[in-house]
Amino acid sequence: MQEKSNEAATRDWGKMLNAIAVRDRVTQTELALALHTSQSTISKIMHGISQPRPKLRHRIEALAAPTEVSSHWLEKVGDAARSSPKFFKIVDAALALVNANE
């Protein structure tokens, strides 16, 4: 039997999905929506029953990527919020949603 040595076969996709779920405080269903797949597919991957296909692997990797925000970006958002009351309301509403889910 030939041992698979490529990264896709050796990467623990289930642990990666679990880390995303914990970091983002989301359910399997919410992960499935974000990754454009089914909850049952997410469950099977998280429990090591199956491996994601290449397109799903790319989406998982993108979702797992760090979401660092630069101070420059924050400054630009602050400037935009100060100069546009509508933008301020949108950002304020988004923050209220995020805070309500914590």
PDB file of N, CA and C in Angstrom:
ATOM      1  N   MET A   1       0.846  -1.172   0.000  1.00  0.00           N
ATOM      2  CA  MET A   1       0.000   0.000   0.000  1.00  0.00           C
ATOM      3  C   MET A   1       0.895   1.239   0.000  1.00  0.00           C
ATOM      4  N   GLN A   2       0.594   2.179  -0.875  1.00  0.00           N
ATOM      5  CA  GLN A   2       1.392   3.393  -0.994  1.00  0.00           C
ATOM      6  C   GLN A   2       0.882   4.438  -0.006  1.00  0.00           C
ATOM      7  N   GLU A   3       1.806   5.039   0.738  1.00  0.00           N
ATOM      8  CA  GLU A   3       1.435   6.052   1.713  1.00  0.00           C
ATOM      9  C   GLU A   3       1.281   7.402   1.035  1.00  0.00           C
ATOM     10  N   LYS A   4       0.179   8.075   1.343  1.00  0.00           N
ATOM     11  CA  LYS A   4      -0.036   9.405   0.777  1.00  0.00           C
ATOM     12  C   LYS A   4       0.833  10.393   1.539  1.00  0.00           C
ATOM     13  N   SER A   5       1.590  11.189   0.801  1.00  0.00           N
ATOM     14  CA  SER A   5       2.480  12.128   1.475  1.00  0.00           C
ATOM     15  C   SER A   5       2.159  13.578   1.151  1.00  0.00           C
ATOM     16  N   ASN A   6       1.152  13.813   0.319  1.00  0.00           N
ATOM     17  CA  ASN A   6       0.864  15.208  -0.018  1.00  0.00           C
ATOM     18  C   ASN A   6       0.164  15.916   1.135  1.00  0.00           C
ATOM     19  N   GLU A   7       0.233  17.228   1.115  1.00  0.00           N
ATOM     20  CA  GLU A   7      -0.298  18.037   2.207  1.00  0.00           C
ATOM     21  C   GLU A   7      -1.793  17.834   2.390  1.00  0.00           C
ATOM     22  N   ALA A   8      -2.534  17.689   1.300  1.00  0.00           N
ATOM     23  CA  ALA A   8      -3.988  17.526   1.389  1.00  0.00           C
ATOM     24  C   ALA A   8      -4.349  16.274   2.169  1.00  0.00           C
ATOM     25  N   ALA A   9      -3.565  15.217   2.001  1.00  0.00           N
ATOM     26  CA  ALA A   9      -3.862  13.964   2.684  1.00  0.00           C
ATOM     27  C   ALA A   9      -3.429  14.003   4.146  1.00  0.00           C
ATOM     28  N   THR A  10      -2.368  14.731   4.444  1.00  0.00           N
ATOM     29  CA  THR A  10      -1.838  14.727   5.805  1.00  0.00           C
ATOM     30  C   THR A  10      -2.406  15.837   6.680  1.00  0.00           C
ATOM     31  N   ARG A  11      -2.919  16.869   6.090  1.00  0.00           N
ATOM     32  CA  ARG A  11      -3.470  17.984   6.868  1.00  0.00           C
ATOM     33  C   ARG A  11      -4.703  17.515   7.620  1.00  0.00           C
ATOM     34  N   ASP A  12      -4.835  17.955   8.844  1.00  0.00           N
ATOM     35  CA  ASP A  12      -6.008  17.596   9.632  1.00  0.00           C
ATOM     36  C   ASP A  12      -7.083  18.659   9.429  1.00  0.00           C
ATOM     37  N   TRP A  13      -7.904  18.424   8.427  1.00  0.00           N
ATOM     38  CA  TRP A  13      -8.940  19.392   8.061  1.00  0.00           C
ATOM     39  C   TRP A  13      -9.974  19.542   9.171  1.00  0.00           C
ATOM     40  N   GLY A  14     -10.240  18.455   9.888  1.00  0.00           N
ATOM     41  CA  GLY A  14     -11.201  18.517  10.987  1.00  0.00           C
ATOM     42  C   GLY A  14     -10.746  19.458  12.084  1.00  0.00           C
ATOM     43  N   LYS A  15      -9.458  19.368  12.443  1.00  0.00           N
ATOM     44  CA  LYS A  15      -8.926  20.271  13.468  1.00  0.00           C
ATOM     45  C   LYS A  15      -8.967  21.714  12.982  1.00  0.00           C
ATOM     46  N   MET A  16      -8.695  21.910  11.699  1.00  0.00           N
ATOM     47  CA  MET A  16      -8.729  23.259  11.142  1.00  0.00           C
ATOM     48  C   MET A  16     -10.149  23.828  11.222  1.00  0.00           C
ATOM     49  N   LEU A  17     -11.143  23.023  10.842  1.00  0.00           N
ATOM     50  CA  LEU A  17     -12.533  23.482  10.913  1.00  0.00           C
ATOM     51  C   LEU A  17     -12.943  23.762  12.355  1.00  0.00           C
ATOM     52  N   ASN A  18     -12.519  22.894  13.274  1.00  0.00           N
ATOM     53  CA  ASN A  18     -12.848  23.110  14.678  1.00  0.00           C
ATOM     54  C   ASN A  18     -12.227  24.406  15.190  1.00  0.00           C
ATOM     55  N   ALA A  19     -10.988  24.669  14.804  1.00  0.00           N
ATOM     56  CA  ALA A  19     -10.322  25.908  15.223  1.00  0.00           C
ATOM     57  C   ALA A  19     -11.057  27.136  14.688  1.00  0.00           C
ATOM     58  N   ILE A  20     -11.522  27.051  13.451  1.00  0.00           N
ATOM     59  CA  ILE A  20     -12.288  28.163  12.871  1.00  0.00           C
ATOM     60  C   ILE A  20     -13.587  28.361  13.651  1.00  0.00           C
ATOM     61  N   ALA A  21     -14.277  27.253  13.940  1.00  0.00           N
ATOM     62  CA  ALA A  21     -15.549  27.334  14.661  1.00  0.00           C
ATOM     63  C   ALA A  21     -15.369  27.961  16.040  1.00  0.00           C
ATOM     64  N   VAL A  22     -14.300  27.570  16.737  1.00  0.00           N
ATOM     65  CA  VAL A  22     -14.029  28.135  18.065  1.00  0.00           C
ATOM     66  C   VAL A  22     -13.655  29.608  17.944  1.00  0.00           C
ATOM     67  N   ARG A  23     -12.747  29.917  17.024  1.00  0.00           N
ATOM     68  CA  ARG A  23     -12.290  31.302  16.846  1.00  0.00           C
ATOM     69  C   ARG A  23     -13.447  32.243  16.507  1.00  0.00           C
ATOM     70  N   ASP A  24     -14.301  31.800  15.579  1.00  0.00           N
ATOM     71  CA  ASP A  24     -15.388  32.656  15.098  1.00  0.00           C
ATOM     72  C   ASP A  24     -16.700  32.450  15.851  1.00  0.00           C
ATOM     73  N   ARG A  25     -16.694  31.505  16.804  1.00  0.00           N
ATOM     74  CA  ARG A  25     -17.890  31.195  17.597  1.00  0.00           C
ATOM     75  C   ARG A  25     -19.087  30.887  16.711  1.00  0.00           C
ATOM     76  N   VAL A  26     -18.895  29.916  15.818  1.00  0.00           N
ATOM     77  CA  VAL A  26     -19.962  29.536  14.891  1.00  0.00           C
ATOM     78  C   VAL A  26     -20.256  28.045  14.997  1.00  0.00           C
ATOM     79  N   THR A  27     -21.438  27.677  14.556  1.00  0.00           N
ATOM     80  CA  THR A  27     -21.864  26.282  14.537  1.00  0.00           C
ATOM     81  C   THR A  27     -21.427  25.613  13.235  1.00  0.00           C
ATOM     82  N   GLN A  28     -21.599  24.302  13.172  1.00  0.00           N
ATOM     83  CA  GLN A  28     -21.321  23.582  11.926  1.00  0.00           C
ATOM     84  C   GLN A  28     -22.202  24.107  10.799  1.00  0.00           C
ATOM     85  N   THR A  29     -23.437  24.411  11.104  1.00  0.00           N
ATOM     86  CA  THR A  29     -24.351  24.933  10.083  1.00  0.00           C
ATOM     87  C   THR A  29     -23.859  26.271   9.546  1.00  0.00           C
ATOM     88  N   GLU A  30     -23.390  27.141  10.439  1.00  0.00           N
ATOM     89  CA  GLU A  30     -22.872  28.440  10.007  1.00  0.00           C
ATOM     90  C   GLU A  30     -21.578  28.282   9.208  1.00  0.00           C
ATOM     91  N   LEU A  31     -20.732  27.326   9.614  1.00  0.00           N
ATOM     92  CA  LEU A  31     -19.526  27.034   8.830  1.00  0.00           C
ATOM     93  C   LEU A  31     -19.907  26.560   7.437  1.00  0.00           C
ATOM     94  N   ALA A  32     -20.893  25.676   7.375  1.00  0.00           N
ATOM     95  CA  ALA A  32     -21.338  25.150   6.084  1.00  0.00           C
ATOM     96  C   ALA A  32     -21.821  26.274   5.170  1.00  0.00           C
ATOM     97  N   LEU A  33     -22.582  27.201   5.716  1.00  0.00           N
ATOM     98  CA  LEU A  33     -23.054  28.338   4.917  1.00  0.00           C
ATOM     99  C   LEU A  33     -21.881  29.172   4.412  1.00  0.00           C
ATOM    100  N   ALA A  34     -20.932  29.437   5.293  1.00  0.00           N
ATOM    101  CA  ALA A  34     -19.773  30.249   4.903  1.00  0.00           C
ATOM    102  C   ALA A  34     -18.913  29.554   3.853  1.00  0.00           C
ATOM    103  N   LEU A  35     -18.903  28.219   3.882  1.00  0.00           N
ATOM    104  CA  LEU A  35     -18.056  27.451   2.968  1.00  0.00           C
ATOM    105  C   LEU A  35     -18.823  26.906   1.762  1.00  0.00           C
ATOM    106  N   HIS A  36     -20.092  27.257   1.659  1.00  0.00           N
ATOM    107  CA  HIS A  36     -20.932  26.826   0.524  1.00  0.00           C
ATOM    108  C   HIS A  36     -20.972  25.303   0.397  1.00  0.00           C
ATOM    109  N   THR A  37     -21.284  24.652   1.517  1.00  0.00           N
ATOM    110  CA  THR A  37     -21.419  23.200   1.525  1.00  0.00           C
ATOM    111  C   THR A  37     -22.495  22.836   2.539  1.00  0.00           C
ATOM    112  N   SER A  38     -22.671  21.570   2.803  1.00  0.00           N
ATOM    113  CA  SER A  38     -23.707  21.139   3.739  1.00  0.00           C
ATOM    114  C   SER A  38     -23.140  20.939   5.144  1.00  0.00           C
ATOM    115  N   GLN A  39     -24.035  20.987   6.119  1.00  0.00           N
ATOM    116  CA  GLN A  39     -23.629  20.750   7.502  1.00  0.00           C
ATOM    117  C   GLN A  39     -23.115  19.329   7.656  1.00  0.00           C
ATOM    118  N   SER A  40     -23.727  18.376   6.949  1.00  0.00           N
ATOM    119  CA  SER A  40     -23.276  16.985   7.070  1.00  0.00           C
ATOM    120  C   SER A  40     -21.856  16.809   6.530  1.00  0.00           C
ATOM    121  N   THR A  41     -21.509  17.544   5.473  1.00  0.00           N
ATOM    122  CA  THR A  41     -20.143  17.491   4.949  1.00  0.00           C
ATOM    123  C   THR A  41     -19.170  18.026   5.994  1.00  0.00           C
ATOM    124  N   ILE A  42     -19.516  19.149   6.620  1.00  0.00           N
ATOM    125  CA  ILE A  42     -18.665  19.728   7.665  1.00  0.00           C
ATOM    126  C   ILE A  42     -18.498  18.734   8.810  1.00  0.00           C
ATOM    127  N   SER A  43     -19.586  18.116   9.238  1.00  0.00           N
ATOM    128  CA  SER A  43     -19.529  17.145  10.327  1.00  0.00           C
ATOM    129  C   SER A  43     -18.612  15.970   9.983  1.00  0.00           C
ATOM    130  N   LYS A  44     -18.748  15.440   8.779  1.00  0.00           N
ATOM    131  CA  LYS A  44     -17.914  14.302   8.365  1.00  0.00           C
ATOM    132  C   LYS A  44     -16.437  14.672   8.351  1.00  0.00           C
ATOM    133  N   ILE A  45     -16.125  15.874   7.898  1.00  0.00           N
ATOM    134  CA  ILE A  45     -14.727  16.318   7.873  1.00  0.00           C
ATOM    135  C   ILE A  45     -14.223  16.521   9.297  1.00  0.00           C
ATOM    136  N   MET A  46     -15.035  17.156  10.137  1.00  0.00           N
ATOM    137  CA  MET A  46     -14.618  17.427  11.514  1.00  0.00           C
ATOM    138  C   MET A  46     -14.400  16.142  12.308  1.00  0.00           C
ATOM    139  N   HIS A  47     -15.134  15.091  11.971  1.00  0.00           N
ATOM    140  CA  HIS A  47     -14.996  13.815  12.674  1.00  0.00           C
ATOM    141  C   HIS A  47     -14.036  12.851  11.979  1.00  0.00           C
ATOM    142  N   GLY A  48     -13.350  13.321  10.944  1.00  0.00           N
ATOM    143  CA  GLY A  48     -12.355  12.496  10.268  1.00  0.00           C
ATOM    144  C   GLY A  48     -12.921  11.402   9.385  1.00  0.00           C
ATOM    145  N   ILE A  49     -14.195  11.494   9.057  1.00  0.00           N
ATOM    146  CA  ILE A  49     -14.842  10.478   8.225  1.00  0.00           C
ATOM    147  C   ILE A  49     -14.512  10.684   6.756  1.00  0.00           C
ATOM    148  N   SER A  50     -14.384  11.943   6.355  1.00  0.00           N
ATOM    149  CA  SER A  50     -14.053  12.228   4.957  1.00  0.00           C
ATOM    150  C   SER A  50     -13.109  13.415   4.867  1.00  0.00           C
ATOM    151  N   GLN A  51     -12.538  13.594   3.693  1.00  0.00           N
ATOM    152  CA  GLN A  51     -11.629  14.697   3.394  1.00  0.00           C
ATOM    153  C   GLN A  51     -12.341  15.663   2.441  1.00  0.00           C
ATOM    154  N   PRO A  52     -12.072  16.956   2.565  1.00  0.00           N
ATOM    155  CA  PRO A  52     -12.702  17.907   1.640  1.00  0.00           C
ATOM    156  C   PRO A  52     -12.109  17.798   0.243  1.00  0.00           C
ATOM    157  N   ARG A  53     -12.925  18.085  -0.730  1.00  0.00           N
ATOM    158  CA  ARG A  53     -12.446  18.128  -2.118  1.00  0.00           C
ATOM    159  C   ARG A  53     -11.606  19.386  -2.310  1.00  0.00           C
ATOM    160  N   PRO A  54     -10.841  19.454  -3.401  1.00  0.00           N
ATOM    161  CA  PRO A  54      -9.920  20.590  -3.601  1.00  0.00           C
ATOM    162  C   PRO A  54     -10.550  21.976  -3.493  1.00  0.00           C
ATOM    163  N   LYS A  55     -11.714  22.193  -4.093  1.00  0.00           N
ATOM    164  CA  LYS A  55     -12.336  23.528  -4.019  1.00  0.00           C
ATOM    165  C   LYS A  55     -12.705  23.886  -2.581  1.00  0.00           C
ATOM    166  N   LEU A  56     -13.215  22.905  -1.844  1.00  0.00           N
ATOM    167  CA  LEU A  56     -13.568  23.149  -0.448  1.00  0.00           C
ATOM    168  C   LEU A  56     -12.308  23.369   0.385  1.00  0.00           C
ATOM    169  N   ARG A  57     -11.234  22.661   0.073  1.00  0.00           N
ATOM    170  CA  ARG A  57      -9.955  22.879   0.780  1.00  0.00           C
ATOM    171  C   ARG A  57      -9.519  24.329   0.663  1.00  0.00           C
ATOM    172  N   HIS A  58      -9.623  24.872  -0.538  1.00  0.00           N
ATOM    173  CA  HIS A  58      -9.226  26.268  -0.750  1.00  0.00           C
ATOM    174  C   HIS A  58     -10.103  27.220   0.064  1.00  0.00           C
ATOM    175  N   ARG A  59     -11.402  26.935   0.116  1.00  0.00           N
ATOM    176  CA  ARG A  59     -12.300  27.797   0.887  1.00  0.00           C
ATOM    177  C   ARG A  59     -12.003  27.698   2.389  1.00  0.00           C
ATOM    178  N   ILE A  60     -11.688  26.482   2.853  1.00  0.00           N
ATOM    179  CA  ILE A  60     -11.340  26.305   4.270  1.00  0.00           C
ATOM    180  C   ILE A  60     -10.062  27.076   4.591  1.00  0.00           C
ATOM    181  N   GLU A  61      -9.057  26.948   3.731  1.00  0.00           N
ATOM    182  CA  GLU A  61      -7.793  27.656   3.959  1.00  0.00           C
ATOM    183  C   GLU A  61      -7.999  29.169   3.980  1.00  0.00           C
ATOM    184  N   ALA A  62      -8.846  29.665   3.093  1.00  0.00           N
ATOM    185  CA  ALA A  62      -9.115  31.106   3.061  1.00  0.00           C
ATOM    186  C   ALA A  62      -9.820  31.553   4.342  1.00  0.00           C
ATOM    187  N   LEU A  63     -10.769  30.745   4.807  1.00  0.00           N
ATOM    188  CA  LEU A  63     -11.497  31.089   6.025  1.00  0.00           C
ATOM    189  C   LEU A  63     -10.594  30.990   7.254  1.00  0.00           C
ATOM    190  N   ALA A  64      -9.628  30.083   7.211  1.00  0.00           N
ATOM    191  CA  ALA A  64      -8.711  29.893   8.339  1.00  0.00           C
ATOM    192  C   ALA A  64      -7.625  30.957   8.405  1.00  0.00           C
ATOM    193  N   ALA A  65      -7.421  31.667   7.312  1.00  0.00           N
ATOM    194  CA  ALA A  65      -6.350  32.673   7.266  1.00  0.00           C
ATOM    195  C   ALA A  65      -6.567  33.733   8.342  1.00  0.00           C
ATOM    196  N   PRO A  66      -5.483  34.212   8.919  1.00  0.00           N
ATOM    197  CA  PRO A  66      -5.607  35.257   9.939  1.00  0.00           C
ATOM    198  C   PRO A  66      -6.327  36.483   9.387  1.00  0.00           C
ATOM    199  N   THR A  67      -7.097  37.097  10.234  1.00  0.00           N
ATOM    200  CA  THR A  67      -7.849  38.285   9.823  1.00  0.00           C
ATOM    201  C   THR A  67      -7.351  39.504  10.590  1.00  0.00           C
ATOM    202  N   GLU A  68      -6.057  39.712  10.527  1.00  0.00           N
ATOM    203  CA  GLU A  68      -5.453  40.861  11.199  1.00  0.00           C
ATOM    204  C   GLU A  68      -5.926  42.152  10.532  1.00  0.00           C
ATOM    205  N   VAL A  69      -6.150  43.147  11.334  1.00  0.00           N
ATOM    206  CA  VAL A  69      -6.581  44.450  10.842  1.00  0.00           C
ATOM    207  C   VAL A  69      -5.469  45.449  11.149  1.00  0.00           C
ATOM    208  N   SER A  70      -5.020  46.138  10.133  1.00  0.00           N
ATOM    209  CA  SER A  70      -3.942  47.112  10.336  1.00  0.00           C
ATOM    210  C   SER A  70      -4.489  48.402  10.937  1.00  0.00           C
ATOM    211  N   SER A  71      -3.624  49.126  11.615  1.00  0.00           N
ATOM    212  CA  SER A  71      -4.033  50.412  12.181  1.00  0.00           C
ATOM    213  C   SER A  71      -4.393  51.396  11.067  1.00  0.00           C
ATOM    214  N   HIS A  72      -3.726  51.263   9.922  1.00  0.00           N
ATOM    215  CA  HIS A  72      -4.042  52.122   8.773  1.00  0.00           C
ATOM    216  C   HIS A  72      -5.478  51.875   8.304  1.00  0.00           C
ATOM    217  N   TRP A  73      -5.865  50.614   8.226  1.00  0.00           N
ATOM    218  CA  TRP A  73      -7.223  50.264   7.808  1.00  0.00           C
ATOM    219  C   TRP A  73      -8.240  50.816   8.806  1.00  0.00           C
ATOM    220  N   LEU A  74      -7.958  50.639  10.099  1.00  0.00           N
ATOM    221  CA  LEU A  74      -8.864  51.167  11.120  1.00  0.00           C
ATOM    222  C   LEU A  74      -9.001  52.680  11.018  1.00  0.00           C
ATOM    223  N   GLU A  75      -7.896  53.351  10.744  1.00  0.00           N
ATOM    224  CA  GLU A  75      -7.922  54.807  10.590  1.00  0.00           C
ATOM    225  C   GLU A  75      -8.796  55.208   9.401  1.00  0.00           C
ATOM    226  N   LYS A  76      -8.667  54.472   8.287  1.00  0.00           N
ATOM    227  CA  LYS A  76      -9.478  54.771   7.102  1.00  0.00           C
ATOM    228  C   LYS A  76     -10.963  54.565   7.387  1.00  0.00           C
ATOM    229  N   VAL A  77     -11.297  53.491   8.100  1.00  0.00           N
ATOM    230  CA  VAL A  77     -12.699  53.237   8.445  1.00  0.00           C
ATOM    231  C   VAL A  77     -13.219  54.341   9.366  1.00  0.00           C
ATOM    232  N   GLY A  78     -12.405  54.732  10.339  1.00  0.00           N
ATOM    233  CA  GLY A  78     -12.802  55.823  11.237  1.00  0.00           C
ATOM    234  C   GLY A  78     -13.033  57.121  10.491  1.00  0.00           C
ATOM    235  N   ASP A  79     -12.129  57.450   9.573  1.00  0.00           N
ATOM    236  CA  ASP A  79     -12.292  58.665   8.764  1.00  0.00           C
ATOM    237  C   ASP A  79     -13.580  58.609   7.945  1.00  0.00           C
ATOM    238  N   ALA A  80     -13.830  57.448   7.337  1.00  0.00           N
ATOM    239  CA  ALA A  80     -15.037  57.299   6.523  1.00  0.00           C
ATOM    240  C   ALA A  80     -16.293  57.426   7.383  1.00  0.00           C
ATOM    241  N   ALA A  81     -16.259  56.845   8.583  1.00  0.00           N
ATOM    242  CA  ALA A  81     -17.415  56.926   9.476  1.00  0.00           C
ATOM    243  C   ALA A  81     -17.665  58.360   9.930  1.00  0.00           C
ATOM    244  N   ARG A  82     -16.598  59.112  10.151  1.00  0.00           N
ATOM    245  CA  ARG A  82     -16.755  60.512  10.561  1.00  0.00           C
ATOM    246  C   ARG A  82     -17.264  61.391   9.418  1.00  0.00           C
ATOM    247  N   SER A  83     -16.913  61.042   8.197  1.00  0.00           N
ATOM    248  CA  SER A  83     -17.301  61.895   7.069  1.00  0.00           C
ATOM    249  C   SER A  83     -18.641  61.514   6.444  1.00  0.00           C
ATOM    250  N   SER A  84     -19.156  60.331   6.763  1.00  0.00           N
ATOM    251  CA  SER A  84     -20.415  59.891   6.168  1.00  0.00           C
ATOM    252  C   SER A  84     -21.352  59.340   7.242  1.00  0.00           C
ATOM    253  N   PRO A  85     -22.417  60.064   7.562  1.00  0.00           N
ATOM    254  CA  PRO A  85     -23.373  59.571   8.555  1.00  0.00           C
ATOM    255  C   PRO A  85     -23.977  58.213   8.179  1.00  0.00           C
ATOM    256  N   LYS A  86     -24.211  57.986   6.891  1.00  0.00           N
ATOM    257  CA  LYS A  86     -24.777  56.700   6.463  1.00  0.00           C
ATOM    258  C   LYS A  86     -23.790  55.563   6.714  1.00  0.00           C
ATOM    259  N   PHE A  87     -22.516  55.799   6.380  1.00  0.00           N
ATOM    260  CA  PHE A  87     -21.494  54.780   6.619  1.00  0.00           C
ATOM    261  C   PHE A  87     -21.372  54.516   8.117  1.00  0.00           C
ATOM    262  N   PHE A  88     -21.406  55.571   8.923  1.00  0.00           N
ATOM    263  CA  PHE A  88     -21.343  55.423  10.375  1.00  0.00           C
ATOM    264  C   PHE A  88     -22.471  54.518  10.867  1.00  0.00           C
ATOM    265  N   LYS A  89     -23.698  54.748  10.378  1.00  0.00           N
ATOM    266  CA  LYS A  89     -24.847  53.938  10.796  1.00  0.00           C
ATOM    267  C   LYS A  89     -24.671  52.475  10.411  1.00  0.00           C
ATOM    268  N   ILE A  90     -24.123  52.236   9.217  1.00  0.00           N
ATOM    269  CA  ILE A  90     -23.896  50.857   8.766  1.00  0.00           C
ATOM    270  C   ILE A  90     -22.878  50.166   9.669  1.00  0.00           C
ATOM    271  N   VAL A  91     -21.761  50.836   9.931  1.00  0.00           N
ATOM    272  CA  VAL A  91     -20.724  50.256  10.791  1.00  0.00           C
ATOM    273  C   VAL A  91     -21.265  50.049  12.201  1.00  0.00           C
ATOM    274  N   ASP A  92     -22.005  51.018  12.707  1.00  0.00           N
ATOM    275  CA  ASP A  92     -22.584  50.916  14.042  1.00  0.00           C
ATOM    276  C   ASP A  92     -23.545  49.731  14.128  1.00  0.00           C
ATOM    277  N   ALA A  93     -24.369  49.542  13.102  1.00  0.00           N
ATOM    278  CA  ALA A  93     -25.298  48.408  13.076  1.00  0.00           C
ATOM    279  C   ALA A  93     -24.538  47.082  13.015  1.00  0.00           C
ATOM    280  N   ALA A  94     -23.472  47.035  12.221  1.00  0.00           N
ATOM    281  CA  ALA A  94     -22.663  45.815  12.126  1.00  0.00           C
ATOM    282  C   ALA A  94     -22.027  45.487  13.475  1.00  0.00           C
ATOM    283  N   LEU A  95     -21.505  46.494  14.152  1.00  0.00           N
ATOM    284  CA  LEU A  95     -20.908  46.275  15.474  1.00  0.00           C
ATOM    285  C   LEU A  95     -21.948  45.802  16.480  1.00  0.00           C
ATOM    286  N   ALA A  96     -23.154  46.343  16.398  1.00  0.00           N
ATOM    287  CA  ALA A  96     -24.229  45.911  17.292  1.00  0.00           C
ATOM    288  C   ALA A  96     -24.554  44.437  17.065  1.00  0.00           C
ATOM    289  N   LEU A  97     -24.575  44.010  15.808  1.00  0.00           N
ATOM    290  CA  LEU A  97     -24.825  42.597  15.502  1.00  0.00           C
ATOM    291  C   LEU A  97     -23.725  41.707  16.063  1.00  0.00           C
ATOM    292  N   VAL A  98     -22.487  42.103  15.862  1.00  0.00           N
ATOM    293  CA  VAL A  98     -21.357  41.316  16.363  1.00  0.00           C
ATOM    294  C   VAL A  98     -21.415  41.228  17.880  1.00  0.00           C
ATOM    295  N   ASN A  99     -21.646  42.351  18.534  1.00  0.00           N
ATOM    296  CA  ASN A  99     -21.696  42.369  19.997  1.00  0.00           C
ATOM    297  C   ASN A  99     -22.878  41.584  20.541  1.00  0.00           C
ATOM    298  N   ALA A 100     -23.987  41.552  19.819  1.00  0.00           N
ATOM    299  CA  ALA A 100     -25.158  40.789  20.252  1.00  0.00           C
ATOM    300  C   ALA A 100     -24.885  39.293  20.209  1.00  0.00           C
ATOM    301  N   ASN A 101     -23.978  38.856  19.333  1.00  0.00           N
ATOM    302  CA  ASN A 101     -23.662  37.434  19.192  1.00  0.00           C
ATOM    303  C   ASN A 101     -22.558  36.966  20.130  1.00  0.00           C
ATOM    304  N   GLU A 102     -21.993  37.853  20.904  1.00  0.00           N
ATOM    305  CA  GLU A 102     -20.904  37.464  21.820  1.00  0.00           C
ATOM    306  C   GLU A 102     -21.433  36.964  23.129  1.00  0.00           C
TER     307      GLU A 102
END
